[in-house]
Amino acid sequence: MSAGRPLTKAERKAFNRAEHERKIKQDLIAQHGNELGTFYAWLRVVNIRGTQAYRSGDTAYIRDVVLALQNVHSRHSG
């Protein structure tokens, strides 16, 4: 939490967002198991960040995500 002072509005917003994401990740893990739930949580975050990167024109981030997904796919399929 904080070191003896109230959180600022920006800090509170970041804290609440992090708590919300943590809860979603825990729910996905409870629903799908540790490995698949963690992957789905990662995929969700990457989707959100990818949309932001696409809108801002950051093609390097999208390229990195595609390579990471390709590596995961090649490891787990045949």
N, C-alpha and C. Protein backbone atom coordinates (compact mmCIF):
# COMPACT_ATOMS: atom_id res chain seq x y z
N MET A 1 0.84 -1.17 0.00
CA MET A 1 0.00 0.00 0.00
C MET A 1 0.88 1.23 0.00
N SER A 2 0.70 2.13 0.90
CA SER A 2 1.50 3.36 0.91
C SER A 2 2.29 3.44 2.20
N ALA A 3 3.22 4.37 2.21
CA ALA A 3 4.10 4.51 3.37
C ALA A 3 3.57 5.60 4.30
N GLY A 4 2.40 5.42 4.88
CA GLY A 4 1.88 6.35 5.87
C GLY A 4 1.14 7.56 5.32
N ARG A 5 0.94 7.61 4.02
CA ARG A 5 0.21 8.74 3.46
C ARG A 5 -0.87 8.20 2.54
N PRO A 6 -1.90 8.97 2.34
CA PRO A 6 -2.93 8.52 1.40
C PRO A 6 -2.39 8.50 -0.03
N LEU A 7 -2.94 7.61 -0.84
CA LEU A 7 -2.53 7.54 -2.23
C LEU A 7 -3.09 8.73 -3.01
N THR A 8 -2.32 9.17 -3.99
CA THR A 8 -2.84 10.20 -4.89
C THR A 8 -3.86 9.56 -5.81
N LYS A 9 -4.57 10.38 -6.54
CA LYS A 9 -5.59 9.86 -7.45
C LYS A 9 -4.96 8.94 -8.50
N ALA A 10 -3.83 9.33 -9.04
CA ALA A 10 -3.15 8.50 -10.05
C ALA A 10 -2.65 7.19 -9.45
N GLU A 11 -2.10 7.26 -8.23
CA GLU A 11 -1.63 6.04 -7.56
C GLU A 11 -2.79 5.11 -7.23
N ARG A 12 -3.89 5.68 -6.78
CA ARG A 12 -5.07 4.87 -6.46
C ARG A 12 -5.62 4.20 -7.72
N LYS A 13 -5.64 4.94 -8.82
CA LYS A 13 -6.14 4.39 -10.08
C LYS A 13 -5.24 3.23 -10.54
N ALA A 14 -3.93 3.41 -10.46
CA ALA A 14 -2.99 2.35 -10.84
C ALA A 14 -3.14 1.14 -9.92
N PHE A 15 -3.29 1.38 -8.62
CA PHE A 15 -3.46 0.30 -7.66
C PHE A 15 -4.74 -0.49 -7.94
N ASN A 16 -5.83 0.22 -8.18
CA ASN A 16 -7.11 -0.44 -8.46
C ASN A 16 -7.05 -1.24 -9.75
N ARG A 17 -6.38 -0.69 -10.77
CA ARG A 17 -6.25 -1.40 -12.05
C ARG A 17 -5.43 -2.68 -11.85
N ALA A 18 -4.35 -2.59 -11.09
CA ALA A 18 -3.52 -3.76 -10.83
C ALA A 18 -4.30 -4.83 -10.05
N GLU A 19 -5.07 -4.40 -9.07
CA GLU A 19 -5.90 -5.35 -8.30
C GLU A 19 -6.94 -6.01 -9.20
N HIS A 20 -7.53 -5.25 -10.08
CA HIS A 20 -8.54 -5.77 -11.00
C HIS A 20 -7.90 -6.82 -11.93
N GLU A 21 -6.74 -6.51 -12.49
CA GLU A 21 -6.05 -7.45 -13.37
C GLU A 21 -5.64 -8.71 -12.61
N ARG A 22 -5.19 -8.56 -11.37
CA ARG A 22 -4.81 -9.71 -10.54
C ARG A 22 -6.01 -10.61 -10.29
N LYS A 23 -7.18 -10.02 -10.04
CA LYS A 23 -8.39 -10.80 -9.80
C LYS A 23 -8.80 -11.57 -11.06
N ILE A 24 -8.72 -10.90 -12.21
CA ILE A 24 -9.06 -11.57 -13.46
C ILE A 24 -8.11 -12.75 -13.71
N LYS A 25 -6.82 -12.56 -13.45
CA LYS A 25 -5.84 -13.63 -13.63
C LYS A 25 -6.15 -14.79 -12.70
N GLN A 26 -6.46 -14.51 -11.43
CA GLN A 26 -6.80 -15.57 -10.48
C GLN A 26 -8.05 -16.31 -10.92
N ASP A 27 -9.04 -15.60 -11.44
CA ASP A 27 -10.27 -16.24 -11.92
C ASP A 27 -9.98 -17.15 -13.11
N LEU A 28 -9.14 -16.69 -14.04
CA LEU A 28 -8.80 -17.52 -15.20
C LEU A 28 -8.02 -18.76 -14.78
N ILE A 29 -7.12 -18.61 -13.81
CA ILE A 29 -6.37 -19.77 -13.32
C ILE A 29 -7.29 -20.75 -12.61
N ALA A 30 -8.22 -20.24 -11.82
CA ALA A 30 -9.18 -21.13 -11.13
C ALA A 30 -10.06 -21.86 -12.13
N GLN A 31 -10.41 -21.20 -13.21
CA GLN A 31 -11.32 -21.79 -14.20
C GLN A 31 -10.61 -22.78 -15.12
N HIS A 32 -9.36 -22.47 -15.53
CA HIS A 32 -8.69 -23.26 -16.57
C HIS A 32 -7.45 -24.00 -16.11
N GLY A 33 -7.05 -23.86 -14.86
CA GLY A 33 -5.81 -24.46 -14.40
C GLY A 33 -4.66 -23.47 -14.51
N ASN A 34 -3.55 -23.80 -13.89
CA ASN A 34 -2.44 -22.85 -13.76
C ASN A 34 -1.85 -22.47 -15.12
N GLU A 35 -1.46 -23.46 -15.91
CA GLU A 35 -0.76 -23.16 -17.16
C GLU A 35 -1.65 -22.45 -18.17
N LEU A 36 -2.82 -23.01 -18.45
CA LEU A 36 -3.72 -22.41 -19.43
C LEU A 36 -4.30 -21.09 -18.94
N GLY A 37 -4.62 -21.01 -17.66
CA GLY A 37 -5.14 -19.76 -17.10
C GLY A 37 -4.13 -18.63 -17.16
N THR A 38 -2.87 -18.95 -16.88
CA THR A 38 -1.82 -17.95 -16.99
C THR A 38 -1.65 -17.50 -18.44
N PHE A 39 -1.71 -18.46 -19.36
CA PHE A 39 -1.61 -18.11 -20.78
C PHE A 39 -2.76 -17.21 -21.21
N TYR A 40 -3.99 -17.53 -20.78
CA TYR A 40 -5.14 -16.69 -21.14
C TYR A 40 -5.00 -15.29 -20.54
N ALA A 41 -4.49 -15.19 -19.32
CA ALA A 41 -4.29 -13.88 -18.70
C ALA A 41 -3.25 -13.09 -19.48
N TRP A 42 -2.17 -13.75 -19.88
CA TRP A 42 -1.13 -13.10 -20.67
C TRP A 42 -1.70 -12.65 -22.01
N LEU A 43 -2.49 -13.52 -22.63
CA LEU A 43 -3.10 -13.20 -23.92
C LEU A 43 -4.03 -12.00 -23.80
N ARG A 44 -4.75 -11.91 -22.70
CA ARG A 44 -5.65 -10.77 -22.48
C ARG A 44 -4.88 -9.46 -22.38
N VAL A 45 -3.80 -9.48 -21.60
CA VAL A 45 -2.98 -8.27 -21.44
C VAL A 45 -2.34 -7.89 -22.77
N VAL A 46 -1.84 -8.88 -23.50
CA VAL A 46 -1.21 -8.60 -24.79
C VAL A 46 -2.24 -8.04 -25.77
N ASN A 47 -3.45 -8.52 -25.73
CA ASN A 47 -4.50 -8.00 -26.59
C ASN A 47 -4.77 -6.52 -26.29
N ILE A 48 -4.86 -6.20 -25.02
CA ILE A 48 -5.10 -4.80 -24.63
C ILE A 48 -3.93 -3.93 -25.05
N ARG A 49 -2.70 -4.36 -24.72
CA ARG A 49 -1.51 -3.57 -25.08
C ARG A 49 -1.33 -3.51 -26.60
N GLY A 50 -1.66 -4.59 -27.29
CA GLY A 50 -1.55 -4.62 -28.74
C GLY A 50 -2.50 -3.64 -29.40
N THR A 51 -3.71 -3.53 -28.88
CA THR A 51 -4.67 -2.57 -29.41
C THR A 51 -4.14 -1.15 -29.21
N GLN A 52 -3.59 -0.89 -28.05
CA GLN A 52 -3.02 0.44 -27.78
C GLN A 52 -1.84 0.71 -28.71
N ALA A 53 -0.99 -0.30 -28.91
CA ALA A 53 0.16 -0.12 -29.79
C ALA A 53 -0.29 0.09 -31.23
N TYR A 54 -1.29 -0.66 -31.67
CA TYR A 54 -1.81 -0.51 -33.03
C TYR A 54 -2.35 0.90 -33.25
N ARG A 55 -3.09 1.40 -32.29
CA ARG A 55 -3.66 2.74 -32.43
C ARG A 55 -2.59 3.82 -32.45
N SER A 56 -1.49 3.58 -31.73
CA SER A 56 -0.42 4.58 -31.71
C SER A 56 0.60 4.35 -32.83
N GLY A 57 0.47 3.26 -33.58
CA GLY A 57 1.35 3.00 -34.71
C GLY A 57 2.65 2.30 -34.34
N ASP A 58 2.72 1.67 -33.17
CA ASP A 58 3.93 1.00 -32.71
C ASP A 58 3.97 -0.42 -33.26
N THR A 59 4.57 -0.59 -34.43
CA THR A 59 4.58 -1.92 -35.05
C THR A 59 5.62 -2.85 -34.41
N ALA A 60 6.63 -2.31 -33.75
CA ALA A 60 7.65 -3.16 -33.12
C ALA A 60 7.04 -4.03 -32.02
N TYR A 61 6.15 -3.45 -31.21
CA TYR A 61 5.51 -4.22 -30.14
C TYR A 61 4.68 -5.36 -30.73
N ILE A 62 3.92 -5.06 -31.77
CA ILE A 62 3.07 -6.08 -32.40
C ILE A 62 3.93 -7.19 -32.99
N ARG A 63 5.04 -6.83 -33.61
CA ARG A 63 5.95 -7.82 -34.18
C ARG A 63 6.52 -8.72 -33.07
N ASP A 64 6.89 -8.16 -31.94
CA ASP A 64 7.41 -8.95 -30.82
C ASP A 64 6.37 -9.93 -30.29
N VAL A 65 5.14 -9.48 -30.20
CA VAL A 65 4.06 -10.35 -29.71
C VAL A 65 3.81 -11.50 -30.68
N VAL A 66 3.82 -11.20 -31.96
CA VAL A 66 3.61 -12.25 -32.97
C VAL A 66 4.72 -13.29 -32.87
N LEU A 67 5.95 -12.86 -32.71
CA LEU A 67 7.06 -13.81 -32.57
C LEU A 67 6.92 -14.65 -31.30
N ALA A 68 6.49 -14.04 -30.21
CA ALA A 68 6.30 -14.78 -28.96
C ALA A 68 5.20 -15.82 -29.12
N LEU A 69 4.10 -15.45 -29.74
CA LEU A 69 3.02 -16.41 -29.96
C LEU A 69 3.44 -17.53 -30.91
N GLN A 70 4.22 -17.20 -31.90
CA GLN A 70 4.71 -18.21 -32.83
C GLN A 70 5.63 -19.20 -32.10
N ASN A 71 6.44 -18.71 -31.18
CA ASN A 71 7.32 -19.59 -30.40
C ASN A 71 6.50 -20.52 -29.50
N VAL A 72 5.47 -19.97 -28.85
CA VAL A 72 4.61 -20.80 -27.99
C VAL A 72 3.92 -21.87 -28.83
N HIS A 73 3.41 -21.48 -29.98
CA HIS A 73 2.71 -22.43 -30.84
C HIS A 73 3.65 -23.53 -31.31
N SER A 74 4.85 -23.18 -31.73
CA SER A 74 5.78 -24.19 -32.23
C SER A 74 6.24 -25.15 -31.12
N ARG A 75 6.31 -24.66 -29.88
CA ARG A 75 6.70 -25.53 -28.76
C ARG A 75 5.60 -26.52 -28.41
N HIS A 76 4.35 -26.10 -28.55
CA HIS A 76 3.24 -26.94 -28.07
C HIS A 76 2.49 -27.68 -29.16
N SER A 77 2.87 -27.49 -30.39
CA SER A 77 2.20 -28.26 -31.45
C SER A 77 3.23 -29.08 -32.20
N GLY A 78 3.03 -30.35 -32.19
CA GLY A 78 3.78 -31.32 -32.92
C GLY A 78 5.22 -31.23 -32.96
